[in-house]
C-alpha atoms as a PDB file:
ATOM      1  CA  MET A   1      -2.000 -30.178  45.377  1.00  0.00           C
ATOM      2  CA  PRO A   2       1.519 -30.226  47.361  1.00  0.00           C
ATOM      3  CA  THR A   3       3.605 -31.213  43.713  1.00  0.00           C
ATOM      4  CA  LEU A   4       6.802 -31.981  43.694  1.00  0.00           C
ATOM      5  CA  VAL A   5       8.965 -31.054  40.736  1.00  0.00           C
ATOM      6  CA  TYR A   6      12.303 -33.320  39.974  1.00  0.00           C
ATOM      7  CA  LEU A   7      15.120 -30.807  38.725  1.00  0.00           C
ATOM      8  CA  GLU A   8      17.619 -32.962  36.308  1.00  0.00           C
ATOM      9  CA  ASP A   9      21.197 -31.022  36.023  1.00  0.00           C
ATOM     10  CA  HIS A  10      23.916 -31.417  33.479  1.00  0.00           C
ATOM     11  CA  GLU A  11      27.489 -29.778  33.099  1.00  0.00           C
ATOM     12  CA  GLY A  12      26.303 -27.440  36.102  1.00  0.00           C
ATOM     13  CA  GLU A  13      23.081 -26.431  34.801  1.00  0.00           C
ATOM     14  CA  LEU A  14      19.975 -27.186  35.398  1.00  0.00           C
ATOM     15  CA  VAL A  15      18.452 -28.852  32.328  1.00  0.00           C
ATOM     16  CA  LYS A  16      15.687 -27.090  30.422  1.00  0.00           C
ATOM     17  CA  GLY A  17      12.856 -29.574  29.979  1.00  0.00           C
ATOM     18  CA  SER A  18      12.726 -29.818  34.069  1.00  0.00           C
ATOM     19  CA  LEU A  19      12.693 -26.197  34.273  1.00  0.00           C
ATOM     20  CA  GLY A  20       9.719 -26.519  31.906  1.00  0.00           C
ATOM     21  CA  VAL A  21       7.994 -28.803  33.753  1.00  0.00           C
ATOM     22  CA  LEU A  22       8.274 -26.399  36.778  1.00  0.00           C
ATOM     23  CA  THR A  23       7.148 -23.310  35.496  1.00  0.00           C
ATOM     24  CA  LYS A  24       4.148 -24.911  34.281  1.00  0.00           C
ATOM     25  CA  ALA A  25       3.377 -26.756  37.893  1.00  0.00           C
ATOM     26  CA  ALA A  26       3.636 -22.936  39.063  1.00  0.00           C
ATOM     27  CA  GLN A  27       1.415 -22.123  36.605  1.00  0.00           C
ATOM     28  CA  LEU A  28      -1.508 -24.617  37.704  1.00  0.00           C
ATOM     29  CA  GLY A  29      -0.601 -23.322  41.048  1.00  0.00           C
ATOM     30  CA  GLY A  30      -1.000 -25.076  45.035  1.00  0.00           C
ATOM     31  CA  ASP A  31       2.848 -25.453  46.960  1.00  0.00           C
ATOM     32  CA  VAL A  32       4.962 -26.026  44.596  1.00  0.00           C
ATOM     33  CA  ALA A  33       8.470 -27.449  45.573  1.00  0.00           C
ATOM     34  CA  ALA A  34      11.504 -28.742  43.839  1.00  0.00           C
ATOM     35  CA  VAL A  35      14.601 -31.415  44.514  1.00  0.00           C
ATOM     36  CA  VAL A  36      18.345 -31.084  43.290  1.00  0.00           C
ATOM     37  CA  CYS A  37      19.986 -34.283  43.290  1.00  0.00           C
ATOM     38  CA  GLY A  38      23.905 -34.344  42.401  1.00  0.00           C
ATOM     39  CA  SER A  39      27.251 -33.938  43.849  1.00  0.00           C
ATOM     40  CA  GLY A  40      28.002 -29.957  44.243  1.00  0.00           C
ATOM     41  CA  VAL A  41      24.929 -28.817  42.810  1.00  0.00           C
ATOM     42  CA  GLN A  42      24.007 -26.435  45.824  1.00  0.00           C
ATOM     43  CA  GLY A  43      24.382 -23.481  43.748  1.00  0.00           C
ATOM     44  CA  LEU A  44      21.614 -24.575  41.542  1.00  0.00           C
ATOM     45  CA  ALA A  45      18.734 -24.486  44.229  1.00  0.00           C
ATOM     46  CA  ALA A  46      18.630 -20.709  43.742  1.00  0.00           C
ATOM     47  CA  GLN A  47      17.732 -21.051  40.209  1.00  0.00           C
ATOM     48  CA  ALA A  48      14.590 -23.151  40.948  1.00  0.00           C
ATOM     49  CA  GLY A  49      12.942 -20.114  42.541  1.00  0.00           C
ATOM     50  CA  ARG A  50      13.535 -17.923  39.503  1.00  0.00           C
ATOM     51  CA  TYR A  51      11.123 -20.613  37.634  1.00  0.00           C
ATOM     52  CA  GLY A  52       8.307 -21.160  40.234  1.00  0.00           C
ATOM     53  CA  ALA A  53       9.384 -23.343  43.437  1.00  0.00           C
ATOM     54  CA  ALA A  54       8.802 -22.144  46.817  1.00  0.00           C
ATOM     55  CA  ARG A  55      10.964 -24.529  47.905  1.00  0.00           C
ATOM     56  CA  VAL A  56      14.187 -26.158  46.884  1.00  0.00           C
ATOM     57  CA  TYR A  57      15.095 -29.577  48.349  1.00  0.00           C
ATOM     58  CA  VAL A  58      18.695 -30.105  47.467  1.00  0.00           C
ATOM     59  CA  ALA A  59      20.741 -33.224  47.587  1.00  0.00           C
ATOM     60  CA  ASP A  60      24.045 -32.779  47.485  1.00  0.00           C
ATOM     61  CA  ASP A  61      26.118 -35.736  48.069  1.00  0.00           C
ATOM     62  CA  PRO A  62      29.336 -37.859  46.771  1.00  0.00           C
ATOM     63  CA  ALA A  63      26.966 -41.127  46.294  1.00  0.00           C
ATOM     64  CA  LEU A  64      25.228 -38.762  43.535  1.00  0.00           C
ATOM     65  CA  VAL A  65      28.093 -37.603  41.348  1.00  0.00           C
ATOM     66  CA  ALA A  66      27.466 -40.273  38.618  1.00  0.00           C
ATOM     67  CA  PRO A  67      23.850 -40.094  36.637  1.00  0.00           C
ATOM     68  CA  LEU A  68      22.544 -43.602  37.601  1.00  0.00           C
ATOM     69  CA  PRO A  69      18.869 -43.418  38.689  1.00  0.00           C
ATOM     70  CA  GLN A  70      18.645 -45.791  41.952  1.00  0.00           C
ATOM     71  CA  PRO A  71      20.451 -43.927  44.163  1.00  0.00           C
ATOM     72  CA  ARG A  72      17.998 -40.815  43.817  1.00  0.00           C
ATOM     73  CA  VAL A  73      14.774 -42.874  43.658  1.00  0.00           C
ATOM     74  CA  ASP A  74      16.322 -43.677  47.058  1.00  0.00           C
ATOM     75  CA  VAL A  75      16.407 -39.501  47.962  1.00  0.00           C
ATOM     76  CA  LEU A  76      12.974 -39.166  46.449  1.00  0.00           C
ATOM     77  CA  GLU A  77      11.265 -42.177  47.949  1.00  0.00           C
ATOM     78  CA  ALA A  78      12.016 -41.008  51.309  1.00  0.00           C
ATOM     79  CA  LEU A  79      11.032 -37.387  50.455  1.00  0.00           C
ATOM     80  CA  VAL A  80       7.364 -38.028  48.907  1.00  0.00           C
ATOM     81  CA  ARG A  81       7.332 -40.186  52.023  1.00  0.00           C
ATOM     82  CA  GLU A  82       8.253 -37.531  54.693  1.00  0.00           C
ATOM     83  CA  ARG A  83       6.306 -34.429  52.948  1.00  0.00           C
ATOM     84  CA  GLY A  84       3.422 -36.198  51.804  1.00  0.00           C
ATOM     85  CA  PHE A  85       3.626 -34.887  48.119  1.00  0.00           C
ATOM     86  CA  ASP A  86       0.768 -36.044  46.334  1.00  0.00           C
ATOM     87  CA  THR A  87       1.874 -35.192  43.096  1.00  0.00           C
ATOM     88  CA  VAL A  88       5.640 -35.788  41.430  1.00  0.00           C
ATOM     89  CA  LEU A  89       6.185 -34.550  37.706  1.00  0.00           C
ATOM     90  CA  PHE A  90       9.458 -35.167  35.752  1.00  0.00           C
ATOM     91  CA  GLY A  91      10.641 -33.525  32.719  1.00  0.00           C
ATOM     92  CA  ALA A  92      11.338 -36.882  30.055  1.00  0.00           C
ATOM     93  CA  SER A  93      15.289 -37.821  29.934  1.00  0.00           C
ATOM     94  CA  VAL A  94      17.301 -40.786  29.760  1.00  0.00           C
ATOM     95  CA  LEU A  95      17.600 -40.558  33.428  1.00  0.00           C
ATOM     96  CA  ALA A  96      14.884 -38.656  34.746  1.00  0.00           C
ATOM     97  CA  THR A  97      12.171 -41.429  32.891  1.00  0.00           C
ATOM     98  CA  ASP A  98      14.457 -44.065  34.878  1.00  0.00           C
ATOM     99  CA  VAL A  99      14.062 -42.656  38.142  1.00  0.00           C
ATOM    100  CA  ALA A 100       9.961 -41.967  37.801  1.00  0.00           C
ATOM    101  CA  ALA A 101       9.846 -45.519  36.743  1.00  0.00           C
ATOM    102  CA  GLY A 102      12.004 -46.309  39.939  1.00  0.00           C
ATOM    103  CA  LEU A 103      10.102 -44.249  41.881  1.00  0.00           C
ATOM    104  CA  ALA A 104       6.655 -45.375  40.528  1.00  0.00           C
ATOM    105  CA  ALA A 105       7.555 -49.218  41.818  1.00  0.00           C
ATOM    106  CA  ARG A 106       8.899 -47.868  44.815  1.00  0.00           C
ATOM    107  CA  LEU A 107       6.306 -46.311  46.299  1.00  0.00           C
ATOM    108  CA  PRO A 108       4.104 -48.045  44.453  1.00  0.00           C
ATOM    109  CA  ALA A 109       2.203 -45.408  42.444  1.00  0.00           C
ATOM    110  CA  GLY A 110       0.477 -44.549  39.182  1.00  0.00           C
ATOM    111  CA  LEU A 111       2.910 -43.048  36.208  1.00  0.00           C
ATOM    112  CA  ASN A 112       1.437 -41.270  33.341  1.00  0.00           C
ATOM    113  CA  TRP A 113       4.250 -40.798  31.051  1.00  0.00           C
ATOM    114  CA  ASP A 114       4.858 -39.027  27.297  1.00  0.00           C
ATOM    115  CA  LEU A 115       2.180 -36.451  28.650  1.00  0.00           C
ATOM    116  CA  VAL A 116       1.904 -32.689  26.175  1.00  0.00           C
ATOM    117  CA  ASP A 117      -0.157 -31.259  28.836  1.00  0.00           C
ATOM    118  CA  LEU A 118      -1.340 -30.609  32.600  1.00  0.00           C
ATOM    119  CA  GLU A 119      -4.415 -29.363  34.056  1.00  0.00           C
ATOM    120  CA  VAL A 120      -6.594 -28.985  36.686  1.00  0.00           C
ATOM    121  CA  ARG A 121      -9.667 -29.892  36.563  1.00  0.00           C
ATOM    122  CA  ASP A 122     -12.514 -30.222  39.137  1.00  0.00           C
ATOM    123  CA  GLY A 123      -9.943 -29.969  41.743  1.00  0.00           C
ATOM    124  CA  LYS A 124      -8.477 -33.017  40.328  1.00  0.00           C
ATOM    125  CA  LEU A 125      -5.039 -32.930  37.730  1.00  0.00           C
ATOM    126  CA  VAL A 126      -5.497 -34.028  34.140  1.00  0.00           C
ATOM    127  CA  GLY A 127      -3.156 -34.913  31.753  1.00  0.00           C
ATOM    128  CA  ARG A 128      -2.519 -34.927  28.185  1.00  0.00           C
ATOM    129  CA  ARG A 129      -1.153 -37.175  25.896  1.00  0.00           C
ATOM    130  CA  PRO A 130      -0.872 -38.076  22.370  1.00  0.00           C
ATOM    131  CA  ALA A 131      -2.213 -41.704  20.827  1.00  0.00           C
ATOM    132  CA  LEU A 132      -2.832 -43.115  17.674  1.00  0.00           C
ATOM    133  CA  GLN A 133       0.680 -42.082  15.971  1.00  0.00           C
ATOM    134  CA  ASP A 134       0.144 -38.532  17.462  1.00  0.00           C
ATOM    135  CA  SER A 135      -3.353 -38.018  15.202  1.00  0.00           C
ATOM    136  CA  VAL A 136      -5.345 -37.648  18.312  1.00  0.00           C
ATOM    137  CA  TYR A 137      -5.089 -36.987  22.059  1.00  0.00           C
ATOM    138  CA  ALA A 138      -6.536 -38.522  25.302  1.00  0.00           C
ATOM    139  CA  ASP A 139      -6.901 -37.370  28.636  1.00  0.00           C
ATOM    140  CA  VAL A 140      -5.622 -39.348  31.313  1.00  0.00           C
ATOM    141  CA  GLY A 141      -5.611 -39.367  35.313  1.00  0.00           C
ATOM    142  CA  TRP A 142      -4.287 -41.391  38.273  1.00  0.00           C
ATOM    143  CA  LYS A 143      -6.264 -43.802  40.426  1.00  0.00           C
ATOM    144  CA  GLY A 144      -5.137 -42.635  43.711  1.00  0.00           C
ATOM    145  CA  GLU A 145      -1.867 -41.023  45.088  1.00  0.00           C
ATOM    146  CA  PRO A 146       0.936 -39.893  44.837  1.00  0.00           C
ATOM    147  CA  ARG A 147       0.551 -38.873  40.770  1.00  0.00           C
ATOM    148  CA  LEU A 148       3.272 -39.170  39.096  1.00  0.00           C
ATOM    149  CA  ALA A 149       3.699 -37.710  35.745  1.00  0.00           C
ATOM    150  CA  LEU A 150       6.699 -37.782  33.086  1.00  0.00           C
ATOM    151  CA  VAL A 151       6.107 -34.575  30.562  1.00  0.00           C
ATOM    152  CA  ARG A 152       7.375 -34.973  26.901  1.00  0.00           C
ATOM    153  CA  SER A 153      10.665 -33.303  26.148  1.00  0.00           C
ATOM    154  CA  GLY A 154      10.340 -29.478  25.300  1.00  0.00           C
ATOM    155  CA  THR A 155       6.635 -29.403  26.130  1.00  0.00           C
ATOM    156  CA  PHE A 156       7.203 -26.442  28.308  1.00  0.00           C
ATOM    157  CA  GLU A 157       9.136 -23.397  28.073  1.00  0.00           C
ATOM    158  CA  PRO A 158      11.160 -22.369  31.463  1.00  0.00           C
ATOM    159  CA  VAL A 159       9.721 -18.906  31.712  1.00  0.00           C
ATOM    160  CA  GLU A 160      11.603 -16.594  34.894  1.00  0.00           C
ATOM    161  CA  GLY A 161       9.306 -15.363  37.213  1.00  0.00           C
ATOM    162  CA  GLY A 162      11.760 -13.535  39.439  1.00  0.00           C
ATOM    163  CA  GLY A 163      11.037 -15.467  42.911  1.00  0.00           C
ATOM    164  CA  GLU A 164      12.945 -16.831  45.689  1.00  0.00           C
ATOM    165  CA  ALA A 165      12.826 -20.046  46.828  1.00  0.00           C
ATOM    166  CA  GLU A 166      13.653 -21.268  50.230  1.00  0.00           C
ATOM    167  CA  VAL A 167      16.279 -24.181  50.328  1.00  0.00           C
ATOM    168  CA  GLU A 168      16.805 -27.388  52.881  1.00  0.00           C
ATOM    169  CA  GLU A 169      19.596 -29.333  52.140  1.00  0.00           C
ATOM    170  CA  LEU A 170      18.465 -33.140  52.069  1.00  0.00           C
ATOM    171  CA  ALA A 171      20.395 -36.385  54.372  1.00  0.00           C
ATOM    172  CA  VAL A 172      21.469 -38.846  51.596  1.00  0.00           C
ATOM    173  CA  GLN A 173      20.861 -42.200  53.075  1.00  0.00           C
ATOM    174  CA  THR A 174      21.175 -44.681  50.109  1.00  0.00           C
ATOM    175  CA  GLN A 175      20.188 -48.441  49.722  1.00  0.00           C
ATOM    176  CA  ASP A 176      22.923 -50.984  49.503  1.00  0.00           C
ATOM    177  CA  PHE A 177      21.698 -52.486  46.295  1.00  0.00           C
ATOM    178  CA  SER A 178      21.429 -49.084  44.777  1.00  0.00           C
ATOM    179  CA  ARG A 179      24.840 -48.571  45.603  1.00  0.00           C
ATOM    180  CA  GLN A 180      26.244 -52.008  43.400  1.00  0.00           C
ATOM    181  CA  ALA A 181      26.299 -50.217  39.814  1.00  0.00           C
ATOM    182  CA  VAL A 182      28.955 -48.171  38.698  1.00  0.00           C
ATOM    183  CA  MET A 183      29.142 -45.920  36.415  1.00  0.00           C
ATOM    184  CA  LEU A 184      33.034 -45.981  34.837  1.00  0.00           C
ATOM    185  CA  GLU A 185      33.389 -44.033  32.208  1.00  0.00           C
ATOM    186  CA  ARG A 186      30.810 -40.944  30.083  1.00  0.00           C
ATOM    187  CA  ALA A 187      31.389 -40.282  26.531  1.00  0.00           C
ATOM    188  CA  HIS A 188      30.027 -37.166  25.179  1.00  0.00           C
ATOM    189  CA  ALA A 189      29.309 -36.941  21.483  1.00  0.00           C
ATOM    190  CA  GLU A 190      31.411 -34.350  19.760  1.00  0.00           C
ATOM    191  CA  SER A 191      29.538 -31.405  18.646  1.00  0.00           C
ATOM    192  CA  GLU A 192      29.486 -27.614  18.055  1.00  0.00           C
ATOM    193  CA  GLY A 193      26.982 -24.999  19.270  1.00  0.00           C
ATOM    194  CA  PRO A 194      24.115 -25.524  20.930  1.00  0.00           C
ATOM    195  CA  SER A 195      21.933 -29.166  21.337  1.00  0.00           C
ATOM    196  CA  ILE A 196      18.513 -29.320  19.692  1.00  0.00           C
ATOM    197  CA  GLU A 197      16.720 -28.945  22.670  1.00  0.00           C
ATOM    198  CA  ASP A 198      18.509 -25.951  24.226  1.00  0.00           C
ATOM    199  CA  ALA A 199      18.927 -24.332  20.838  1.00  0.00           C
ATOM    200  CA  ASP A 200      16.375 -21.031  19.922  1.00  0.00           C
ATOM    201  CA  VAL A 201      16.844 -21.775  16.317  1.00  0.00           C
ATOM    202  CA  ILE A 202      17.101 -24.645  14.620  1.00  0.00           C
ATOM    203  CA  VAL A 203      17.509 -25.783  10.911  1.00  0.00           C
ATOM    204  CA  ALA A 204      15.959 -28.744   9.855  1.00  0.00           C
ATOM    205  CA  GLY A 205      16.908 -31.535   6.549  1.00  0.00           C
ATOM    206  CA  GLY A 206      14.470 -34.063   5.268  1.00  0.00           C
ATOM    207  CA  ARG A 207      15.150 -36.367   2.130  1.00  0.00           C
ATOM    208  CA  GLY A 208      14.627 -33.278  -0.144  1.00  0.00           C
ATOM    209  CA  LEU A 209      18.317 -31.961   0.591  1.00  0.00           C
ATOM    210  CA  GLY A 210      18.967 -35.257  -1.704  1.00  0.00           C
ATOM    211  CA  SER A 211      22.155 -36.246  -0.165  1.00  0.00           C
ATOM    212  CA  PRO A 212      24.088 -36.608   3.370  1.00  0.00           C
ATOM    213  CA  ASP A 213      26.678 -34.006   2.146  1.00  0.00           C
ATOM    214  CA  LYS A 214      23.802 -31.608   1.260  1.00  0.00           C
ATOM    215  CA  PHE A 215      23.568 -31.114   5.182  1.00  0.00           C
ATOM    216  CA  GLY A 216      27.007 -28.406   4.927  1.00  0.00           C
ATOM    217  CA  LEU A 217      24.432 -26.118   3.829  1.00  0.00           C
ATOM    218  CA  LEU A 218      22.097 -26.240   6.679  1.00  0.00           C
ATOM    219  CA  GLU A 219      25.279 -26.235   8.932  1.00  0.00           C
ATOM    220  CA  GLU A 220      26.529 -23.287   7.377  1.00  0.00           C
ATOM    221  CA  LEU A 221      22.851 -21.237   8.031  1.00  0.00           C
ATOM    222  CA  ALA A 222      22.523 -22.983  11.763  1.00  0.00           C
ATOM    223  CA  GLN A 223      26.291 -21.487  12.417  1.00  0.00           C
ATOM    224  CA  ALA A 224      25.334 -18.061  10.763  1.00  0.00           C
ATOM    225  CA  LEU A 225      22.297 -18.157  13.117  1.00  0.00           C
ATOM    226  CA  GLY A 226      23.758 -19.463  15.999  1.00  0.00           C
ATOM    227  CA  GLY A 227      21.285 -22.228  16.076  1.00  0.00           C
ATOM    228  CA  ALA A 228      21.564 -26.471  15.958  1.00  0.00           C
ATOM    229  CA  VAL A 229      20.759 -28.686  12.710  1.00  0.00           C
ATOM    230  CA  ALA A 230      18.521 -31.329  13.313  1.00  0.00           C
ATOM    231  CA  ALA A 231      16.947 -34.248  11.073  1.00  0.00           C
ATOM    232  CA  THR A 232      14.054 -36.600   9.928  1.00  0.00           C
ATOM    233  CA  ARG A 233      14.087 -40.210  10.892  1.00  0.00           C
ATOM    234  CA  ALA A 234      14.183 -40.943   7.202  1.00  0.00           C
ATOM    235  CA  VAL A 235      16.904 -39.194   6.996  1.00  0.00           C
ATOM    236  CA  VAL A 236      18.773 -40.569  10.154  1.00  0.00           C
ATOM    237  CA  ASP A 237      17.351 -44.457   9.038  1.00  0.00           C
ATOM    238  CA  ALA A 238      19.484 -43.692   5.684  1.00  0.00           C
ATOM    239  CA  GLY A 239      22.483 -42.884   7.481  1.00  0.00           C
ATOM    240  CA  TRP A 240      22.834 -39.563   6.733  1.00  0.00           C
ATOM    241  CA  TYR A 241      23.087 -37.508   9.674  1.00  0.00           C
ATOM    242  CA  PRO A 242      23.180 -38.764  13.209  1.00  0.00           C
ATOM    243  CA  TYR A 243      19.977 -40.288  15.558  1.00  0.00           C
ATOM    244  CA  ALA A 244      20.915 -37.382  18.587  1.00  0.00           C
ATOM    245  CA  THR A 245      19.407 -35.028  16.097  1.00  0.00           C
ATOM    246  CA  GLN A 246      16.273 -36.402  14.729  1.00  0.00           C
ATOM    247  CA  VAL A 247      13.070 -34.318  15.706  1.00  0.00           C
ATOM    248  CA  GLY A 248       9.905 -36.044  15.487  1.00  0.00           C
ATOM    249  CA  GLN A 249       7.438 -39.021  17.151  1.00  0.00           C
ATOM    250  CA  THR A 250      10.340 -41.627  17.773  1.00  0.00           C
ATOM    251  CA  GLY A 251      13.422 -38.662  17.968  1.00  0.00           C
ATOM    252  CA  LYS A 252      12.896 -35.347  20.308  1.00  0.00           C
ATOM    253  CA  THR A 253      10.531 -32.842  20.671  1.00  0.00           C
ATOM    254  CA  VAL A 254      12.010 -29.029  20.443  1.00  0.00           C
ATOM    255  CA  SER A 255      10.047 -26.062  20.792  1.00  0.00           C
ATOM    256  CA  PRO A 256      13.061 -23.226  19.264  1.00  0.00           C
ATOM    257  CA  LYS A 257      12.012 -19.807  18.291  1.00  0.00           C
ATOM    258  CA  LEU A 258      12.426 -20.043  14.714  1.00  0.00           C
ATOM    259  CA  TYR A 259      12.862 -23.622  13.091  1.00  0.00           C
ATOM    260  CA  PHE A 260      13.268 -23.780   8.903  1.00  0.00           C
ATOM    261  CA  ALA A 261      12.213 -26.797   7.729  1.00  0.00           C
ATOM    262  CA  CYS A 262      14.332 -27.745   4.448  1.00  0.00           C
ATOM    263  CA  GLY A 263      13.347 -30.476   2.167  1.00  0.00           C
ATOM    264  CA  ILE A 264      11.075 -31.821   4.927  1.00  0.00           C
ATOM    265  CA  SER A 265       7.363 -33.070   3.255  1.00  0.00           C
ATOM    266  CA  GLY A 266       5.791 -32.627   7.008  1.00  0.00           C
ATOM    267  CA  ALA A 267       4.847 -36.016   7.984  1.00  0.00           C
ATOM    268  CA  ILE A 268       2.256 -35.979  11.295  1.00  0.00           C
ATOM    269  CA  GLN A 269       5.213 -38.006  12.750  1.00  0.00           C
ATOM    270  CA  HIS A 270       7.798 -34.876  12.060  1.00  0.00           C
ATOM    271  CA  LYS A 271       5.044 -32.241  13.290  1.00  0.00           C
ATOM    272  CA  VAL A 272       4.835 -33.652  16.518  1.00  0.00           C
ATOM    273  CA  GLY A 273       7.879 -33.154  17.758  1.00  0.00           C
ATOM    274  CA  MET A 274       8.470 -29.210  16.098  1.00  0.00           C
ATOM    275  CA  GLN A 275       4.684 -27.862  16.112  1.00  0.00           C
ATOM    276  CA  ALA A 276       5.344 -26.290  19.259  1.00  0.00           C
ATOM    277  CA  SER A 277       8.288 -24.030  17.921  1.00  0.00           C
ATOM    278  CA  GLY A 278       7.374 -20.182  17.878  1.00  0.00           C
ATOM    279  CA  THR A 279       7.646 -19.480  13.977  1.00  0.00           C
ATOM    280  CA  ILE A 280       8.090 -22.223  11.335  1.00  0.00           C
ATOM    281  CA  VAL A 281       9.397 -21.667   8.033  1.00  0.00           C
ATOM    282  CA  ALA A 282       9.616 -24.350   5.171  1.00  0.00           C
ATOM    283  CA  ILE A 283      11.469 -24.620   2.059  1.00  0.00           C
ATOM    284  CA  ASN A 284      10.307 -27.248  -0.444  1.00  0.00           C
ATOM    285  CA  LYS A 285       9.740 -26.852  -3.647  1.00  0.00           C
ATOM    286  CA  ASP A 286       6.580 -28.993  -3.902  1.00  0.00           C
ATOM    287  CA  PRO A 287       3.742 -26.210  -3.276  1.00  0.00           C
ATOM    288  CA  ASN A 288       1.706 -28.992  -2.366  1.00  0.00           C
ATOM    289  CA  ALA A 289       4.299 -30.579   0.599  1.00  0.00           C
ATOM    290  CA  PRO A 290       2.127 -31.243   4.142  1.00  0.00           C
ATOM    291  CA  ILE A 291       4.400 -29.057   6.076  1.00  0.00           C
ATOM    292  CA  PHE A 292       3.132 -25.815   4.534  1.00  0.00           C
ATOM    293  CA  GLU A 293      -0.530 -26.238   6.397  1.00  0.00           C
ATOM    294  CA  TYR A 294       1.289 -25.424   9.656  1.00  0.00           C
ATOM    295  CA  ALA A 295       3.715 -23.488   8.653  1.00  0.00           C
ATOM    296  CA  ASP A 296       4.133 -19.856   9.148  1.00  0.00           C
ATOM    297  CA  VAL A 297       6.249 -19.403   6.067  1.00  0.00           C
ATOM    298  CA  GLY A 298       6.830 -21.406   3.171  1.00  0.00           C
ATOM    299  CA  VAL A 299       9.064 -20.864   0.378  1.00  0.00           C
ATOM    300  CA  VAL A 300       8.605 -22.855  -2.922  1.00  0.00           C
ATOM    301  CA  GLY A 301      11.609 -23.205  -4.598  1.00  0.00           C
ATOM    302  CA  ASP A 302      14.678 -25.042  -4.829  1.00  0.00           C
ATOM    303  CA  LEU A 303      16.031 -25.596  -1.502  1.00  0.00           C
ATOM    304  CA  HIS A 304      20.023 -25.865  -2.559  1.00  0.00           C
ATOM    305  CA  GLN A 305      20.024 -21.768  -4.439  1.00  0.00           C
ATOM    306  CA  ILE A 306      17.776 -20.468  -1.458  1.00  0.00           C
ATOM    307  CA  VAL A 307      19.294 -21.791   1.766  1.00  0.00           C
ATOM    308  CA  PRO A 308      22.767 -20.726   0.729  1.00  0.00           C
ATOM    309  CA  LYS A 309      21.376 -16.845   0.120  1.00  0.00           C
ATOM    310  CA  LEU A 310      19.497 -16.809   3.162  1.00  0.00           C
ATOM    311  CA  THR A 311      23.383 -17.713   4.902  1.00  0.00           C
ATOM    312  CA  GLU A 312      25.030 -15.427   2.635  1.00  0.00           C
ATOM    313  CA  LEU A 313      22.449 -12.681   3.968  1.00  0.00           C
ATOM    314  CA  VAL A 314      22.735 -13.331   7.616  1.00  0.00           C
ATOM    315  CA  ARG A 315      26.177 -12.966   7.441  1.00  0.00           C
ATOM    316  CA  GLU A 316      25.820  -9.617   5.893  1.00  0.00           C
ATOM    317  CA  ARG A 317      23.783  -8.088   8.507  1.00  0.00           C
ATOM    318  CA  ARG A 318      25.530  -9.531  10.960  1.00  0.00           C
ATOM    319  CA  THR A 319      28.695  -7.701  10.175  1.00  0.00           C
END
């Protein structure tokens, strides 16, 4: 099963989500290759070998400096057709989703999206996709080849295996229509510390905080732990915290080593976004809150008293 994994880069680093997909592809076995597209990305190729790629194709060209999908679709279309890959995997992001959809239309090929698992069954690739508000899972397949799969963000954790990859440079040729879109400006949200997708520790808050100003308690704990702050949908819909921090079915999927759920009831929509966390600690004054059903550690009490004391203890241990 010749498999190609699209590796996305951001600010000089390969994106964690795409490296996780590469790790999973290597675990499935077969001939696994990766492709990196951008400008000044030659140095990133060696990283891919450590996560399971036997070969890394590098499309390094000024035409790919902006994170626009169509020039990347041009590169991937030519690569898939010329090298005969029967499977192409993507880690979900805004850019990767556009690239995957464009490639599916160009080839043409079948695209399964929002996958949370992949396995080889009887020699065929099978994907697993949530349905009915993530209350059930459905196995999905492909009618033909090549097979394209878009994996939900945060599903697979990158694991280094220590290997080396053979690197091959690609000649970049783009279509006239692919060069029509021009990026005029890139804006970044101001933030401190790691993003919730990359953080090893996340401190998340829900409506149990009582008011938006109480997020300051979580920010102090996250800072002490070197982590990031996240929120539930109800909180961001109320304007208490930015949408970029939303975890859940309609937000982001995260898999930190440690996840604090503060004042979060634990509805299924939130659970699906953080259930892959290593250790889940729930703090809630309601002993019957659903969050306690799947938390590793449960604390029944007033978070407004518990969180500041916890922050103080963390700071004492770190001094």
